[in-house]
Protein backbone atom coordinates (compact mmCIF):
# COMPACT_ATOMS: atom_id res chain seq x y z
CA MET A 1 -20.99 -13.67 2.17
CA THR A 2 -19.72 -13.17 -1.73
CA ARG A 3 -21.40 -11.31 -4.50
CA GLN A 4 -20.88 -11.87 -8.16
CA VAL A 5 -19.88 -8.98 -10.01
CA THR A 6 -19.23 -8.79 -13.81
CA LEU A 7 -16.86 -6.23 -14.92
CA GLU A 8 -16.04 -4.77 -18.63
CA LEU A 9 -12.09 -4.09 -18.44
CA PRO A 10 -10.34 -2.38 -21.45
CA ASP A 11 -8.02 -5.12 -22.93
CA ALA A 12 -4.76 -3.63 -21.96
CA LEU A 13 -6.16 -3.78 -18.17
CA TYR A 14 -7.38 -7.08 -18.78
CA GLU A 15 -3.87 -8.21 -19.88
CA GLN A 16 -2.46 -6.52 -17.02
CA ALA A 17 -4.78 -8.39 -14.76
CA ARG A 18 -3.99 -11.70 -16.34
CA GLY A 19 -0.43 -11.10 -16.07
CA TRP A 20 -0.64 -10.17 -12.46
CA ALA A 21 -2.32 -13.46 -11.78
CA ALA A 22 0.03 -15.35 -13.66
CA LEU A 23 2.95 -13.83 -11.60
CA SER A 24 1.13 -14.38 -8.11
CA GLN A 25 0.24 -17.82 -9.19
CA GLN A 26 -3.33 -17.46 -8.70
CA GLU A 27 -6.63 -17.77 -10.79
CA LEU A 28 -7.71 -14.20 -12.31
CA THR A 29 -10.65 -14.05 -9.77
CA GLY A 30 -8.46 -14.49 -6.81
CA ALA A 31 -5.87 -12.29 -8.19
CA LEU A 32 -8.49 -9.42 -9.01
CA THR A 33 -9.95 -9.92 -5.53
CA ASP A 34 -6.72 -9.51 -3.81
CA VAL A 35 -5.74 -6.42 -6.09
CA LEU A 36 -9.17 -4.71 -5.15
CA THR A 37 -8.76 -5.62 -1.54
CA LEU A 38 -5.59 -3.62 -1.55
CA ALA A 39 -6.77 -0.61 -3.51
CA LEU A 40 -10.11 -0.46 -1.66
CA MET A 41 -8.77 -0.65 2.02
CA PRO A 42 -10.16 1.12 4.59
CA LEU A 43 -8.36 4.09 5.44
CA PRO A 44 -6.88 3.63 9.09
CA GLU A 45 -9.03 4.85 12.01
CA GLN A 46 -7.80 8.02 13.84
CA SER A 47 -6.68 6.47 17.46
CA ILE A 48 -4.85 7.82 20.37
CA ASP A 49 -1.72 6.04 19.09
CA GLN A 50 -1.98 8.23 15.84
CA PRO A 51 -3.63 11.80 16.11
CA ALA A 52 -4.62 13.63 13.28
CA VAL A 53 -1.76 14.94 11.41
CA ASP A 54 -2.86 18.61 11.70
CA GLU A 55 -2.98 18.31 15.53
CA LEU A 56 0.66 17.10 15.64
CA ASN A 57 3.56 19.54 16.80
CA ASP A 58 6.00 20.48 14.44
CA ALA A 59 8.62 18.24 15.59
CA ASP A 60 6.35 15.34 15.57
CA LEU A 61 5.20 16.40 11.83
CA LEU A 62 8.65 16.55 10.83
CA ALA A 63 9.41 13.21 12.12
CA LEU A 64 6.46 11.25 10.40
CA SER A 65 7.11 13.40 7.05
CA THR A 66 10.20 11.12 6.98
CA VAL A 67 8.94 8.10 8.63
CA GLN A 68 9.88 4.56 6.96
CA MET A 69 8.49 1.12 7.21
CA GLU A 70 10.04 -0.75 10.08
CA GLN A 71 13.52 -2.60 8.74
CA SER A 72 12.56 -6.37 9.15
CA GLN A 73 8.99 -5.14 7.49
CA GLY A 74 10.78 -3.37 4.46
CA GLU A 75 13.49 -6.44 4.19
CA ARG A 76 10.37 -9.01 3.98
CA LEU A 77 8.41 -6.85 1.48
CA ASP A 78 11.49 -6.95 -0.73
CA ASP A 79 12.01 -10.72 -0.38
CA LEU A 80 8.31 -11.34 -1.40
CA LEU A 81 8.54 -8.81 -3.99
CA GLN A 82 11.73 -10.77 -5.53
CA GLN A 83 9.67 -14.07 -5.10
CA GLN A 84 6.72 -12.67 -7.14
CA SER A 85 9.16 -11.76 -9.69
CA ALA A 86 10.57 -14.71 -10.20
CA GLY A 87 7.48 -16.55 -10.09
CA THR A 88 8.09 -18.53 -6.73
CA LEU A 89 5.68 -16.79 -4.51
CA THR A 90 3.43 -19.38 -2.57
CA HIS A 91 -0.12 -18.46 -1.80
CA ASP A 92 0.73 -17.80 1.68
CA GLY A 93 3.35 -15.26 0.47
CA GLN A 94 0.97 -13.67 -1.50
CA ARG A 95 -1.02 -12.99 1.49
CA THR A 96 1.69 -11.85 3.56
CA LEU A 97 2.71 -9.61 0.43
CA THR A 98 -0.80 -8.30 0.52
CA VAL A 99 -0.72 -7.29 4.23
CA LEU A 100 2.61 -5.69 4.10
CA MET A 101 1.55 -3.81 0.92
CA GLN A 102 -1.52 -2.74 2.87
CA THR A 103 0.67 -1.63 5.80
CA TYR A 104 3.23 0.14 3.39
CA HIS A 105 0.21 1.96 1.80
CA GLN A 106 -1.11 3.23 5.03
CA LEU A 107 2.14 4.60 6.12
CA TRP A 108 2.61 6.20 2.87
CA LEU A 109 -0.66 7.96 3.13
CA ARG A 110 0.07 9.15 6.55
CA GLN A 111 3.62 10.18 5.63
CA SER A 112 2.21 12.08 2.62
CA ALA A 113 -0.84 13.94 4.88
CA ALA A 114 2.46 14.89 7.29
CA LEU A 115 4.54 16.18 4.32
CA ALA A 116 1.70 18.21 3.20
CA GLU A 117 0.89 19.82 6.55
CA ALA A 118 4.73 20.39 6.96
CA VAL A 119 4.51 22.41 3.68
CA ARG A 120 1.40 23.98 4.55
CA ARG A 121 3.13 25.21 7.94
CA GLY A 122 6.21 26.46 6.15
CA LEU A 123 8.34 23.75 7.74
CA ARG A 124 9.42 22.13 4.63
CA PRO A 125 9.41 23.69 1.09
CA PRO A 126 7.34 22.27 -1.36
CA ILE A 127 8.86 19.22 -3.49
CA GLN A 128 9.68 20.17 -6.92
CA ALA A 129 9.14 17.47 -9.83
């Protein structure tokens, strides 16, 4: 099921959306749907494989605070981003890029939570800007 939604966007945001659509070789509606899907993705459910960050022991917490995306996924993400910049990204490539960006975003959220908890426990100093 889909629903039609009418949005009023500031001119600058509209132009960014048009640019994103052109870069990803999509119609504006499809590009906005992809961007909203990525931005509004559900937060990952807690599972047996992923205990709550505040329940981790110090060693696991510190490891999570520095975790990185798997190398093969990172390389694929870089490749797809380069294709997107070059204007050669296919529709299937765009879908894969969206999934990899979601994976990256989820990892980043969990890593950020671990870093905050490590600072709270005094295991790491706060990051200075």
